[in-house]
C-alpha atoms as a PDB file:
ATOM      1  CA  UNK A   1       0.000   0.000   0.000  1.00  0.00           C
ATOM      2  CA  UNK A   2       1.284   3.461  -0.883  1.00  0.00           C
ATOM      3  CA  UNK A   3       0.194   6.969   0.120  1.00  0.00           C
ATOM      4  CA  UNK A   4       1.237  10.311  -1.270  1.00  0.00           C
ATOM      5  CA  UNK A   5      -0.607  13.213   0.331  1.00  0.00           C
ATOM      6  CA  UNK A   6      -4.363  12.685  -0.080  1.00  0.00           C
ATOM      7  CA  UNK A   7      -3.956   9.798  -2.568  1.00  0.00           C
ATOM      8  CA  UNK A   8      -3.966   6.146  -1.435  1.00  0.00           C
ATOM      9  CA  UNK A   9      -2.706   3.513  -3.909  1.00  0.00           C
ATOM     10  CA  UNK A  10      -3.455  -0.139  -3.102  1.00  0.00           C
ATOM     11  CA  UNK A  11      -2.235  -3.166  -5.069  1.00  0.00           C
ATOM     12  CA  UNK A  12      -5.119  -5.034  -6.695  1.00  0.00           C
ATOM     13  CA  UNK A  13      -5.216  -8.619  -7.905  1.00  0.00           C
ATOM     14  CA  UNK A  14      -5.966  -8.765 -11.626  1.00  0.00           C
ATOM     15  CA  UNK A  15      -8.911 -11.086 -10.943  1.00  0.00           C
ATOM     16  CA  UNK A  16     -10.605  -8.228  -9.029  1.00  0.00           C
ATOM     17  CA  UNK A  17     -10.562  -5.872 -12.034  1.00  0.00           C
ATOM     18  CA  UNK A  18     -14.110  -5.503 -13.436  1.00  0.00           C
ATOM     19  CA  UNK A  19     -14.331  -7.057 -16.906  1.00  0.00           C
ATOM     20  CA  UNK A  20     -15.804  -3.879 -18.429  1.00  0.00           C
ATOM     21  CA  UNK A  21     -12.710  -1.913 -17.331  1.00  0.00           C
ATOM     22  CA  UNK A  22      -9.952  -4.417 -18.097  1.00  0.00           C
ATOM     23  CA  UNK A  23      -9.742  -3.377 -21.765  1.00  0.00           C
ATOM     24  CA  UNK A  24     -11.111   0.179 -21.508  1.00  0.00           C
ATOM     25  CA  UNK A  25      -8.935   2.891 -23.109  1.00  0.00           C
ATOM     26  CA  UNK A  26      -8.494   4.942 -19.932  1.00  0.00           C
ATOM     27  CA  UNK A  27      -8.001   8.616 -19.175  1.00  0.00           C
ATOM     28  CA  UNK A  28      -6.011  10.980 -21.360  1.00  0.00           C
ATOM     29  CA  UNK A  29      -2.576  12.059 -20.229  1.00  0.00           C
ATOM     30  CA  UNK A  30      -1.855  15.672 -19.366  1.00  0.00           C
ATOM     31  CA  UNK A  31       0.350  17.969 -21.468  1.00  0.00           C
ATOM     32  CA  UNK A  32       3.436  16.563 -19.707  1.00  0.00           C
ATOM     33  CA  UNK A  33       2.515  12.975 -20.579  1.00  0.00           C
ATOM     34  CA  UNK A  34       1.472  12.000 -17.049  1.00  0.00           C
ATOM     35  CA  UNK A  35      -1.574  10.149 -15.732  1.00  0.00           C
ATOM     36  CA  UNK A  36      -3.014  12.600 -13.196  1.00  0.00           C
ATOM     37  CA  UNK A  37      -4.401  10.944 -10.054  1.00  0.00           C
ATOM     38  CA  UNK A  38      -5.261  14.217  -8.283  1.00  0.00           C
ATOM     39  CA  UNK A  39      -4.864  17.834  -9.327  1.00  0.00           C
ATOM     40  CA  UNK A  40      -4.349  20.569  -6.734  1.00  0.00           C
ATOM     41  CA  UNK A  41      -7.005  23.206  -7.341  1.00  0.00           C
ATOM     42  CA  UNK A  42      -5.081  25.867  -5.434  1.00  0.00           C
ATOM     43  CA  UNK A  43      -1.446  25.121  -6.295  1.00  0.00           C
ATOM     44  CA  UNK A  44      -1.804  23.505  -9.712  1.00  0.00           C
ATOM     45  CA  UNK A  45       0.479  20.699  -8.516  1.00  0.00           C
ATOM     46  CA  UNK A  46      -0.525  17.129  -9.346  1.00  0.00           C
ATOM     47  CA  UNK A  47      -0.185  13.629  -7.960  1.00  0.00           C
ATOM     48  CA  UNK A  48       0.644  11.879 -11.220  1.00  0.00           C
ATOM     49  CA  UNK A  49       2.104   8.675 -12.620  1.00  0.00           C
ATOM     50  CA  UNK A  50       4.996   8.637 -15.045  1.00  0.00           C
ATOM     51  CA  UNK A  51       5.539   5.643 -17.265  1.00  0.00           C
ATOM     52  CA  UNK A  52       3.411   3.440 -19.496  1.00  0.00           C
ATOM     53  CA  UNK A  53      -0.005   2.511 -18.205  1.00  0.00           C
ATOM     54  CA  UNK A  54      -3.704   3.357 -18.034  1.00  0.00           C
ATOM     55  CA  UNK A  55      -5.870   5.170 -15.505  1.00  0.00           C
ATOM     56  CA  UNK A  56      -9.494   4.029 -15.474  1.00  0.00           C
ATOM     57  CA  UNK A  57     -12.253   5.950 -13.705  1.00  0.00           C
ATOM     58  CA  UNK A  58     -15.396   4.390 -12.316  1.00  0.00           C
ATOM     59  CA  UNK A  59     -18.733   6.167 -12.889  1.00  0.00           C
ATOM     60  CA  UNK A  60     -19.047   8.515  -9.886  1.00  0.00           C
ATOM     61  CA  UNK A  61     -16.749  11.260  -8.601  1.00  0.00           C
ATOM     62  CA  UNK A  62     -16.290   9.478  -5.240  1.00  0.00           C
ATOM     63  CA  UNK A  63     -15.623   6.073  -6.819  1.00  0.00           C
ATOM     64  CA  UNK A  64     -12.042   4.784  -6.810  1.00  0.00           C
ATOM     65  CA  UNK A  65      -9.906   4.749  -9.937  1.00  0.00           C
ATOM     66  CA  UNK A  66      -7.992   1.773 -11.279  1.00  0.00           C
ATOM     67  CA  UNK A  67      -4.411   2.081 -12.440  1.00  0.00           C
ATOM     68  CA  UNK A  68      -2.702  -0.477 -14.655  1.00  0.00           C
ATOM     69  CA  UNK A  69       1.093  -0.330 -14.896  1.00  0.00           C
ATOM     70  CA  UNK A  70       2.340  -3.096 -17.215  1.00  0.00           C
ATOM     71  CA  UNK A  71       5.996  -2.143 -16.642  1.00  0.00           C
ATOM     72  CA  UNK A  72       5.776  -0.351 -13.305  1.00  0.00           C
ATOM     73  CA  UNK A  73       5.820   3.405 -12.878  1.00  0.00           C
ATOM     74  CA  UNK A  74       6.503   6.268 -10.540  1.00  0.00           C
ATOM     75  CA  UNK A  75       4.105   8.530  -8.628  1.00  0.00           C
ATOM     76  CA  UNK A  76       5.378  12.106  -8.606  1.00  0.00           C
ATOM     77  CA  UNK A  77       4.307  15.396  -7.022  1.00  0.00           C
ATOM     78  CA  UNK A  78       6.095  18.706  -6.793  1.00  0.00           C
ATOM     79  CA  UNK A  79       6.062  18.682  -2.960  1.00  0.00           C
ATOM     80  CA  UNK A  80       6.603  14.961  -2.209  1.00  0.00           C
ATOM     81  CA  UNK A  81       9.311  12.375  -2.810  1.00  0.00           C
ATOM     82  CA  UNK A  82       8.586  10.127  -5.814  1.00  0.00           C
ATOM     83  CA  UNK A  83       7.190   6.654  -5.108  1.00  0.00           C
ATOM     84  CA  UNK A  84       8.210   3.754  -7.369  1.00  0.00           C
ATOM     85  CA  UNK A  85       5.399   1.287  -8.125  1.00  0.00           C
ATOM     86  CA  UNK A  86       6.008  -2.264  -9.366  1.00  0.00           C
ATOM     87  CA  UNK A  87       4.085  -3.508 -12.379  1.00  0.00           C
ATOM     88  CA  UNK A  88       0.485  -4.541 -11.786  1.00  0.00           C
ATOM     89  CA  UNK A  89      -3.008  -3.245 -11.060  1.00  0.00           C
ATOM     90  CA  UNK A  90      -3.843  -0.697  -8.352  1.00  0.00           C
ATOM     91  CA  UNK A  91      -6.939   0.855  -6.803  1.00  0.00           C
ATOM     92  CA  UNK A  92      -6.498   4.606  -6.335  1.00  0.00           C
ATOM     93  CA  UNK A  93      -8.609   6.289  -3.653  1.00  0.00           C
ATOM     94  CA  UNK A  94      -8.746  10.015  -2.929  1.00  0.00           C
ATOM     95  CA  UNK A  95      -9.097  11.044   0.697  1.00  0.00           C
ATOM     96  CA  UNK A  96     -12.592  12.223   1.542  1.00  0.00           C
ATOM     97  CA  UNK A  97     -13.917  14.570   4.170  1.00  0.00           C
ATOM     98  CA  UNK A  98     -17.328  15.002   5.707  1.00  0.00           C
ATOM     99  CA  UNK A  99     -19.049  18.348   5.526  1.00  0.00           C
ATOM    100  CA  UNK A 100     -22.538  18.693   6.990  1.00  0.00           C
ATOM    101  CA  UNK A 101     -24.919  16.984   4.578  1.00  0.00           C
ATOM    102  CA  UNK A 102     -22.273  15.680   2.166  1.00  0.00           C
ATOM    103  CA  UNK A 103     -18.998  13.882   1.576  1.00  0.00           C
ATOM    104  CA  UNK A 104     -16.442  15.431  -0.724  1.00  0.00           C
ATOM    105  CA  UNK A 105     -12.961  14.765  -2.062  1.00  0.00           C
ATOM    106  CA  UNK A 106     -10.221  16.582  -0.151  1.00  0.00           C
ATOM    107  CA  UNK A 107      -8.764  19.441  -2.208  1.00  0.00           C
ATOM    108  CA  UNK A 108      -5.220  20.831  -2.030  1.00  0.00           C
END
């Protein structure tokens, strides 16, 4: 299990990947070629993955994302040390916070 700021990255067995997502094309990369896991609204910094792979989003904004890294990768952020990830599948969860009447994703 890995954590960088408000992003939690958990290894996931390939058998747990939903069939409809296993071959999905995934999210687009940003202008720097990274897969962005979380973008800081205030600072513009990003928790992002460098290296080949796909980031797959479930339907809702609070649902976890799936990350597939066939060759491994590296999670980077301008204010944190990089985290190397071995090849495989991962579930990516953003930290949430409760506000009266709702739950929302934590924002930088």
